[in-house]
Amino acid sequence: KITVPQNDLKVVVDGFKIIPPMGLGSWVAF
């Protein structure tokens, strides 16, 4: 499995920052 963290997307929900470990990482598995 390869994972690409989407660090360029500065997403905020209800005042909380959503970073890759919070569900902001694209992935593809073989």
Full PDB file with SEQRES, HELIX, SHEET, SSBOND, CRYST1, ORIGX, SCALE, CONECT and MASTER records, all heavy atoms in Angstrom:
SEQRES   1 A   30  LYS ILE THR VAL PRO GLN ASN ASP LEU LYS VAL VAL VAL          
SEQRES   2 A   30  ASP GLY PHE LYS ILE ILE PRO PRO MET GLY LEU GLY SER          
SEQRES   3 A   30  TRP VAL ALA PHE                                              
HELIX    1 AA1 PRO A   20  MET A   22  5                                   3    
SHEET    1 AA1 2 ILE A   2  PRO A   5  0                                        
SHEET    2 AA1 2 GLY A  25  VAL A  28 -1                                        
SHEET    1 AA2 2 VAL A  11  VAL A  13  0                                        
SHEET    2 AA2 2 PHE A  16  ILE A  18 -1                                        
CRYST1    1.000    1.000    1.000  90.00  90.00  90.00 P 1           1          
ORIGX1      1.000000  0.000000  0.000000        0.00000                         
ORIGX2      0.000000  1.000000  0.000000        0.00000                         
ORIGX3      0.000000  0.000000  1.000000        0.00000                         
SCALE1      1.000000  0.000000  0.000000        0.00000                         
SCALE2      0.000000  1.000000  0.000000        0.00000                         
SCALE3      0.000000  0.000000  1.000000        0.00000                         
ATOM      1  N   LYS A   1       0.834  -1.204   0.000  1.00  0.00           N  
ATOM      2  CA  LYS A   1       0.000   0.000   0.000  1.00  0.00           C  
ATOM      3  C   LYS A   1       0.864   1.247   0.000  1.00  0.00           C  
ATOM      4  O   LYS A   1       1.808   1.361   0.784  1.00  0.00           O  
ATOM      5  CB  LYS A   1      -0.938   0.011   1.218  1.00  0.00           C  
ATOM      6  CG  LYS A   1      -1.847   1.224   1.276  1.00  0.00           C  
ATOM      7  CD  LYS A   1      -2.983   1.033   2.271  1.00  0.00           C  
ATOM      8  CE  LYS A   1      -2.498   0.952   3.697  1.00  0.00           C  
ATOM      9  NZ  LYS A   1      -3.619   0.871   4.659  1.00  0.00           N  
ATOM     10  N   ILE A   2       0.513   2.177  -0.878  1.00  0.00           N  
ATOM     11  CA  ILE A   2       1.173   3.483  -0.895  1.00  0.00           C  
ATOM     12  C   ILE A   2       0.164   4.533  -0.442  1.00  0.00           C  
ATOM     13  O   ILE A   2      -1.026   4.454  -0.748  1.00  0.00           O  
ATOM     14  CB  ILE A   2       1.733   3.837  -2.290  1.00  0.00           C  
ATOM     15  CG1 ILE A   2       0.650   3.755  -3.367  1.00  0.00           C  
ATOM     16  CG2 ILE A   2       2.885   2.917  -2.643  1.00  0.00           C  
ATOM     17  CD1 ILE A   2       1.131   4.139  -4.759  1.00  0.00           C  
ATOM     18  N   THR A   3       0.636   5.504   0.322  1.00  0.00           N  
ATOM     19  CA  THR A   3      -0.220   6.558   0.871  1.00  0.00           C  
ATOM     20  C   THR A   3       0.371   7.916   0.529  1.00  0.00           C  
ATOM     21  O   THR A   3       1.589   8.116   0.636  1.00  0.00           O  
ATOM     22  CB  THR A   3      -0.354   6.408   2.396  1.00  0.00           C  
ATOM     23  OG1 THR A   3      -0.884   5.120   2.695  1.00  0.00           O  
ATOM     24  CG2 THR A   3      -1.273   7.468   2.966  1.00  0.00           C  
ATOM     25  N   VAL A   4      -0.488   8.846   0.122  1.00  0.00           N  
ATOM     26  CA  VAL A   4      -0.051  10.196  -0.220  1.00  0.00           C  
ATOM     27  C   VAL A   4      -0.790  11.180   0.677  1.00  0.00           C  
ATOM     28  O   VAL A   4      -1.970  11.489   0.447  1.00  0.00           O  
ATOM     29  CB  VAL A   4      -0.323  10.523  -1.702  1.00  0.00           C  
ATOM     30  CG1 VAL A   4       0.206  11.920  -2.036  1.00  0.00           C  
ATOM     31  CG2 VAL A   4       0.297   9.488  -2.615  1.00  0.00           C  
ATOM     32  N   PRO A   5      -0.154  11.701   1.731  1.00  0.00           N  
ATOM     33  CA  PRO A   5      -0.823  12.678   2.602  1.00  0.00           C  
ATOM     34  C   PRO A   5      -1.140  13.952   1.831  1.00  0.00           C  
ATOM     35  O   PRO A   5      -0.305  14.473   1.101  1.00  0.00           O  
ATOM     36  CB  PRO A   5       0.210  12.928   3.707  1.00  0.00           C  
ATOM     37  CG  PRO A   5       1.519  12.533   3.105  1.00  0.00           C  
ATOM     38  CD  PRO A   5       1.229  11.428   2.143  1.00  0.00           C  
ATOM     39  N   GLN A   6      -2.368  14.435   2.003  1.00  0.00           N  
ATOM     40  CA  GLN A   6      -2.802  15.635   1.288  1.00  0.00           C  
ATOM     41  C   GLN A   6      -2.510  16.867   2.142  1.00  0.00           C  
ATOM     42  O   GLN A   6      -3.414  17.594   2.584  1.00  0.00           O  
ATOM     43  CB  GLN A   6      -4.287  15.517   0.957  1.00  0.00           C  
ATOM     44  CG  GLN A   6      -4.650  14.273   0.169  1.00  0.00           C  
ATOM     45  CD  GLN A   6      -4.034  14.255  -1.216  1.00  0.00           C  
ATOM     46  OE1 GLN A   6      -4.451  15.023  -2.090  1.00  0.00           O  
ATOM     47  NE2 GLN A   6      -3.050  13.396  -1.430  1.00  0.00           N  
ATOM     48  N   ASN A   7      -1.221  17.120   2.341  1.00  0.00           N  
ATOM     49  CA  ASN A   7      -0.792  18.215   3.213  1.00  0.00           C  
ATOM     50  C   ASN A   7      -1.154  19.592   2.674  1.00  0.00           C  
ATOM     51  O   ASN A   7      -1.159  20.572   3.418  1.00  0.00           O  
ATOM     52  CB  ASN A   7       0.722  18.142   3.428  1.00  0.00           C  
ATOM     53  CG  ASN A   7       1.149  16.905   4.191  1.00  0.00           C  
ATOM     54  OD1 ASN A   7       0.415  16.403   5.045  1.00  0.00           O  
ATOM     55  ND2 ASN A   7       2.323  16.388   3.888  1.00  0.00           N  
ATOM     56  N   ASP A   8      -1.432  19.660   1.371  1.00  0.00           N  
ATOM     57  CA  ASP A   8      -1.738  20.956   0.771  1.00  0.00           C  
ATOM     58  C   ASP A   8      -3.176  21.402   1.010  1.00  0.00           C  
ATOM     59  O   ASP A   8      -3.509  22.576   0.793  1.00  0.00           O  
ATOM     60  CB  ASP A   8      -1.463  20.909  -0.738  1.00  0.00           C  
ATOM     61  CG  ASP A   8      -2.335  19.892  -1.462  1.00  0.00           C  
ATOM     62  OD1 ASP A   8      -2.622  18.826  -0.873  1.00  0.00           O  
ATOM     63  OD2 ASP A   8      -2.728  20.152  -2.612  1.00  0.00           O  
ATOM     64  N   LEU A   9      -4.031  20.490   1.455  1.00  0.00           N  
ATOM     65  CA  LEU A   9      -5.434  20.835   1.699  1.00  0.00           C  
ATOM     66  C   LEU A   9      -5.613  21.254   3.160  1.00  0.00           C  
ATOM     67  O   LEU A   9      -5.495  20.432   4.067  1.00  0.00           O  
ATOM     68  CB  LEU A   9      -6.337  19.639   1.381  1.00  0.00           C  
ATOM     69  CG  LEU A   9      -6.351  19.186  -0.082  1.00  0.00           C  
ATOM     70  CD1 LEU A   9      -7.233  17.949  -0.242  1.00  0.00           C  
ATOM     71  CD2 LEU A   9      -6.813  20.303  -1.012  1.00  0.00           C  
ATOM     72  N   LYS A  10      -5.888  22.495   3.389  1.00  0.00           N  
ATOM     73  CA  LYS A  10      -6.034  23.024   4.750  1.00  0.00           C  
ATOM     74  C   LYS A  10      -7.511  22.996   5.142  1.00  0.00           C  
ATOM     75  O   LYS A  10      -8.234  23.990   5.047  1.00  0.00           O  
ATOM     76  CB  LYS A  10      -5.461  24.438   4.839  1.00  0.00           C  
ATOM     77  CG  LYS A  10      -4.010  24.544   4.357  1.00  0.00           C  
ATOM     78  CD  LYS A  10      -3.082  23.614   5.133  1.00  0.00           C  
ATOM     79  CE  LYS A  10      -1.640  23.738   4.678  1.00  0.00           C  
ATOM     80  NZ  LYS A  10      -0.742  22.779   5.375  1.00  0.00           N  
ATOM     81  N   VAL A  11      -7.969  21.839   5.560  1.00  0.00           N  
ATOM     82  CA  VAL A  11      -9.381  21.607   5.825  1.00  0.00           C  
ATOM     83  C   VAL A  11      -9.685  21.847   7.305  1.00  0.00           C  
ATOM     84  O   VAL A  11      -8.933  21.409   8.190  1.00  0.00           O  
ATOM     85  CB  VAL A  11      -9.779  20.168   5.439  1.00  0.00           C  
ATOM     86  CG1 VAL A  11     -11.256  19.913   5.748  1.00  0.00           C  
ATOM     87  CG2 VAL A  11      -9.493  19.926   3.960  1.00  0.00           C  
ATOM     88  N   VAL A  12     -10.801  22.524   7.570  1.00  0.00           N  
ATOM     89  CA  VAL A  12     -11.243  22.798   8.937  1.00  0.00           C  
ATOM     90  C   VAL A  12     -12.709  22.394   9.058  1.00  0.00           C  
ATOM     91  O   VAL A  12     -13.524  22.686   8.176  1.00  0.00           O  
ATOM     92  CB  VAL A  12     -11.078  24.289   9.294  1.00  0.00           C  
ATOM     93  CG1 VAL A  12     -11.623  24.576  10.689  1.00  0.00           C  
ATOM     94  CG2 VAL A  12      -9.613  24.701   9.197  1.00  0.00           C  
ATOM     95  N   VAL A  13     -13.044  21.703  10.158  1.00  0.00           N  
ATOM     96  CA  VAL A  13     -14.430  21.319  10.455  1.00  0.00           C  
ATOM     97  C   VAL A  13     -14.747  21.739  11.883  1.00  0.00           C  
ATOM     98  O   VAL A  13     -14.086  21.294  12.829  1.00  0.00           O  
ATOM     99  CB  VAL A  13     -14.640  19.799  10.301  1.00  0.00           C  
ATOM    100  CG1 VAL A  13     -16.081  19.437  10.649  1.00  0.00           C  
ATOM    101  CG2 VAL A  13     -14.306  19.340   8.895  1.00  0.00           C  
ATOM    102  N   ASP A  14     -15.717  22.596  12.047  1.00  0.00           N  
ATOM    103  CA  ASP A  14     -16.148  23.048  13.376  1.00  0.00           C  
ATOM    104  C   ASP A  14     -14.978  23.532  14.228  1.00  0.00           C  
ATOM    105  O   ASP A  14     -14.926  23.313  15.444  1.00  0.00           O  
ATOM    106  CB  ASP A  14     -16.891  21.932  14.104  1.00  0.00           C  
ATOM    107  CG  ASP A  14     -18.181  21.544  13.416  1.00  0.00           C  
ATOM    108  OD1 ASP A  14     -18.700  22.352  12.624  1.00  0.00           O  
ATOM    109  OD2 ASP A  14     -18.673  20.414  13.660  1.00  0.00           O  
ATOM    110  N   GLY A  15     -14.024  24.193  13.591  1.00  0.00           N  
ATOM    111  CA  GLY A  15     -12.878  24.743  14.305  1.00  0.00           C  
ATOM    112  C   GLY A  15     -11.729  23.771  14.508  1.00  0.00           C  
ATOM    113  O   GLY A  15     -10.674  24.161  15.036  1.00  0.00           O  
ATOM    114  N   PHE A  16     -11.864  22.528  14.100  1.00  0.00           N  
ATOM    115  CA  PHE A  16     -10.800  21.529  14.226  1.00  0.00           C  
ATOM    116  C   PHE A  16     -10.100  21.346  12.880  1.00  0.00           C  
ATOM    117  O   PHE A  16     -10.760  21.184  11.844  1.00  0.00           O  
ATOM    118  CB  PHE A  16     -11.360  20.179  14.686  1.00  0.00           C  
ATOM    119  CG  PHE A  16     -11.856  20.160  16.104  1.00  0.00           C  
ATOM    120  CD1 PHE A  16     -13.189  20.444  16.385  1.00  0.00           C  
ATOM    121  CD2 PHE A  16     -11.001  19.851  17.148  1.00  0.00           C  
ATOM    122  CE1 PHE A  16     -13.650  20.417  17.695  1.00  0.00           C  
ATOM    123  CE2 PHE A  16     -11.455  19.833  18.456  1.00  0.00           C  
ATOM    124  CZ  PHE A  16     -12.786  20.112  18.734  1.00  0.00           C  
ATOM    125  N   LYS A  17      -8.773  21.336  12.896  1.00  0.00           N  
ATOM    126  CA  LYS A  17      -8.006  21.090  11.683  1.00  0.00           C  
ATOM    127  C   LYS A  17      -8.068  19.612  11.330  1.00  0.00           C  
ATOM    128  O   LYS A  17      -7.854  18.744  12.185  1.00  0.00           O  
ATOM    129  CB  LYS A  17      -6.541  21.508  11.865  1.00  0.00           C  
ATOM    130  CG  LYS A  17      -6.321  23.001  11.948  1.00  0.00           C  
ATOM    131  CD  LYS A  17      -4.850  23.366  11.852  1.00  0.00           C  
ATOM    132  CE  LYS A  17      -4.046  22.835  13.026  1.00  0.00           C  
ATOM    133  NZ  LYS A  17      -2.633  23.317  12.970  1.00  0.00           N  
ATOM    134  N   ILE A  18      -8.341  19.322  10.065  1.00  0.00           N  
ATOM    135  CA  ILE A  18      -8.346  17.940   9.579  1.00  0.00           C  
ATOM    136  C   ILE A  18      -7.032  17.711   8.835  1.00  0.00           C  
ATOM    137  O   ILE A  18      -6.815  18.243   7.747  1.00  0.00           O  
ATOM    138  CB  ILE A  18      -9.541  17.676   8.649  1.00  0.00           C  
ATOM    139  CG1 ILE A  18     -10.850  18.054   9.345  1.00  0.00           C  
ATOM    140  CG2 ILE A  18      -9.559  16.218   8.210  1.00  0.00           C  
ATOM    141  CD1 ILE A  18     -11.109  17.312  10.650  1.00  0.00           C  
ATOM    142  N   ILE A  19      -6.158  16.936   9.433  1.00  0.00           N  
ATOM    143  CA  ILE A  19      -4.863  16.647   8.837  1.00  0.00           C  
ATOM    144  C   ILE A  19      -4.858  15.186   8.360  1.00  0.00           C  
ATOM    145  O   ILE A  19      -5.775  14.422   8.674  1.00  0.00           O  
ATOM    146  CB  ILE A  19      -3.719  16.928   9.836  1.00  0.00           C  
ATOM    147  CG1 ILE A  19      -3.816  15.989  11.053  1.00  0.00           C  
ATOM    148  CG2 ILE A  19      -3.743  18.396  10.273  1.00  0.00           C  
ATOM    149  CD1 ILE A  19      -2.623  16.122  12.001  1.00  0.00           C  
ATOM    150  N   PRO A  20      -3.857  14.775   7.573  1.00  0.00           N  
ATOM    151  CA  PRO A  20      -3.863  13.421   7.004  1.00  0.00           C  
ATOM    152  C   PRO A  20      -4.176  12.291   7.978  1.00  0.00           C  
ATOM    153  O   PRO A  20      -4.997  11.419   7.638  1.00  0.00           O  
ATOM    154  CB  PRO A  20      -2.472  13.304   6.388  1.00  0.00           C  
ATOM    155  CG  PRO A  20      -2.214  14.696   5.894  1.00  0.00           C  
ATOM    156  CD  PRO A  20      -2.771  15.593   6.974  1.00  0.00           C  
ATOM    157  N   PRO A  21      -3.608  12.230   9.197  1.00  0.00           N  
ATOM    158  CA  PRO A  21      -3.974  11.121  10.088  1.00  0.00           C  
ATOM    159  C   PRO A  21      -5.443  11.126  10.516  1.00  0.00           C  
ATOM    160  O   PRO A  21      -5.951  10.114  10.996  1.00  0.00           O  
ATOM    161  CB  PRO A  21      -3.059  11.347  11.306  1.00  0.00           C  
ATOM    162  CG  PRO A  21      -1.912  12.134  10.786  1.00  0.00           C  
ATOM    163  CD  PRO A  21      -2.508  13.032   9.756  1.00  0.00           C  
ATOM    164  N   MET A  22      -6.123  12.255  10.302  1.00  0.00           N  
ATOM    165  CA  MET A  22      -7.538  12.379  10.657  1.00  0.00           C  
ATOM    166  C   MET A  22      -8.441  11.957   9.494  1.00  0.00           C  
ATOM    167  O   MET A  22      -9.652  12.110   9.552  1.00  0.00           O  
ATOM    168  CB  MET A  22      -7.834  13.827  11.062  1.00  0.00           C  
ATOM    169  CG  MET A  22      -9.069  14.025  11.925  1.00  0.00           C  
ATOM    170  SD  MET A  22      -8.783  13.631  13.644  1.00  0.00           S  
ATOM    171  CE  MET A  22     -10.419  13.984  14.343  1.00  0.00           C  
ATOM    172  N   GLY A  23      -7.837  11.435   8.429  1.00  0.00           N  
ATOM    173  CA  GLY A  23      -8.620  10.988   7.278  1.00  0.00           C  
ATOM    174  C   GLY A  23      -8.410  11.823   6.038  1.00  0.00           C  
ATOM    175  O   GLY A  23      -9.348  12.023   5.252  1.00  0.00           O  
ATOM    176  N   LEU A  24      -7.189  12.319   5.829  1.00  0.00           N  
ATOM    177  CA  LEU A  24      -6.900  13.166   4.682  1.00  0.00           C  
ATOM    178  C   LEU A  24      -5.658  12.648   3.947  1.00  0.00           C  
ATOM    179  O   LEU A  24      -4.758  13.411   3.616  1.00  0.00           O  
ATOM    180  CB  LEU A  24      -6.713  14.621   5.117  1.00  0.00           C  
ATOM    181  CG  LEU A  24      -7.003  15.693   4.060  1.00  0.00           C  
ATOM    182  CD1 LEU A  24      -8.458  15.687   3.638  1.00  0.00           C  
ATOM    183  CD2 LEU A  24      -6.616  17.079   4.577  1.00  0.00           C  
ATOM    184  N   GLY A  25      -5.639  11.346   3.709  1.00  0.00           N  
ATOM    185  CA  GLY A  25      -4.534  10.740   2.981  1.00  0.00           C  
ATOM    186  C   GLY A  25      -5.049   9.840   1.870  1.00  0.00           C  
ATOM    187  O   GLY A  25      -5.798   8.891   2.121  1.00  0.00           O  
ATOM    188  N   SER A  26      -4.683  10.150   0.620  1.00  0.00           N  
ATOM    189  CA  SER A  26      -5.024   9.254  -0.480  1.00  0.00           C  
ATOM    190  C   SER A  26      -4.195   7.979  -0.367  1.00  0.00           C  
ATOM    191  O   SER A  26      -3.040   8.013   0.073  1.00  0.00           O  
ATOM    192  CB  SER A  26      -4.729   9.916  -1.835  1.00  0.00           C  
ATOM    193  OG  SER A  26      -5.557  11.036  -2.049  1.00  0.00           O  
ATOM    194  N   TRP A  27      -4.776   6.843  -0.749  1.00  0.00           N  
ATOM    195  CA  TRP A  27      -4.027   5.589  -0.696  1.00  0.00           C  
ATOM    196  C   TRP A  27      -4.440   4.662  -1.830  1.00  0.00           C  
ATOM    197  O   TRP A  27      -5.560   4.737  -2.339  1.00  0.00           O  
ATOM    198  CB  TRP A  27      -4.196   4.890   0.647  1.00  0.00           C  
ATOM    199  CG  TRP A  27      -5.609   4.480   0.973  1.00  0.00           C  
ATOM    200  CD1 TRP A  27      -6.537   5.195   1.670  1.00  0.00           C  
ATOM    201  CD2 TRP A  27      -6.269   3.252   0.603  1.00  0.00           C  
ATOM    202  NE1 TRP A  27      -7.725   4.504   1.757  1.00  0.00           N  
ATOM    203  CE2 TRP A  27      -7.594   3.312   1.116  1.00  0.00           C  
ATOM    204  CE3 TRP A  27      -5.871   2.113  -0.096  1.00  0.00           C  
ATOM    205  CZ2 TRP A  27      -8.510   2.266   0.925  1.00  0.00           C  
ATOM    206  CZ3 TRP A  27      -6.777   1.080  -0.284  1.00  0.00           C  
ATOM    207  CH2 TRP A  27      -8.080   1.156   0.236  1.00  0.00           C  
ATOM    208  N   VAL A  28      -3.500   3.804  -2.223  1.00  0.00           N  
ATOM    209  CA  VAL A  28      -3.762   2.767  -3.219  1.00  0.00           C  
ATOM    210  C   VAL A  28      -3.061   1.501  -2.757  1.00  0.00           C  
ATOM    211  O   VAL A  28      -1.900   1.541  -2.347  1.00  0.00           O  
ATOM    212  CB  VAL A  28      -3.265   3.163  -4.619  1.00  0.00           C  
ATOM    213  CG1 VAL A  28      -3.570   2.050  -5.623  1.00  0.00           C  
ATOM    214  CG2 VAL A  28      -3.884   4.469  -5.076  1.00  0.00           C  
ATOM    215  N   ALA A  29      -3.775   0.374  -2.810  1.00  0.00           N  
ATOM    216  CA  ALA A  29      -3.215  -0.906  -2.356  1.00  0.00           C  
ATOM    217  C   ALA A  29      -3.223  -1.912  -3.498  1.00  0.00           C  
ATOM    218  O   ALA A  29      -4.125  -1.912  -4.346  1.00  0.00           O  
ATOM    219  CB  ALA A  29      -4.020  -1.444  -1.174  1.00  0.00           C  
ATOM    220  N   PHE A  30      -2.205  -2.770  -3.496  1.00  0.00           N  
ATOM    221  CA  PHE A  30      -2.047  -3.806  -4.514  1.00  0.00           C  
ATOM    222  C   PHE A  30      -2.137  -5.176  -3.834  1.00  0.00           C  
ATOM    223  O   PHE A  30      -1.404  -5.452  -2.885  1.00  0.00           O  
ATOM    224  CB  PHE A  30      -0.681  -3.690  -5.194  1.00  0.00           C  
ATOM    225  CG  PHE A  30      -0.474  -2.408  -5.957  1.00  0.00           C  
ATOM    226  CD1 PHE A  30      -0.183  -1.218  -5.291  1.00  0.00           C  
ATOM    227  CD2 PHE A  30      -0.552  -2.380  -7.345  1.00  0.00           C  
ATOM    228  CE1 PHE A  30       0.022  -0.038  -5.989  1.00  0.00           C  
ATOM    229  CE2 PHE A  30      -0.348  -1.202  -8.056  1.00  0.00           C  
ATOM    230  CZ  PHE A  30      -0.066  -0.035  -7.379  1.00  0.00           C  
TER     231      PHE A  30                                                      
MASTER        0    0    0    1    4    0    0    6  230    1    0    3          
END                                                                             
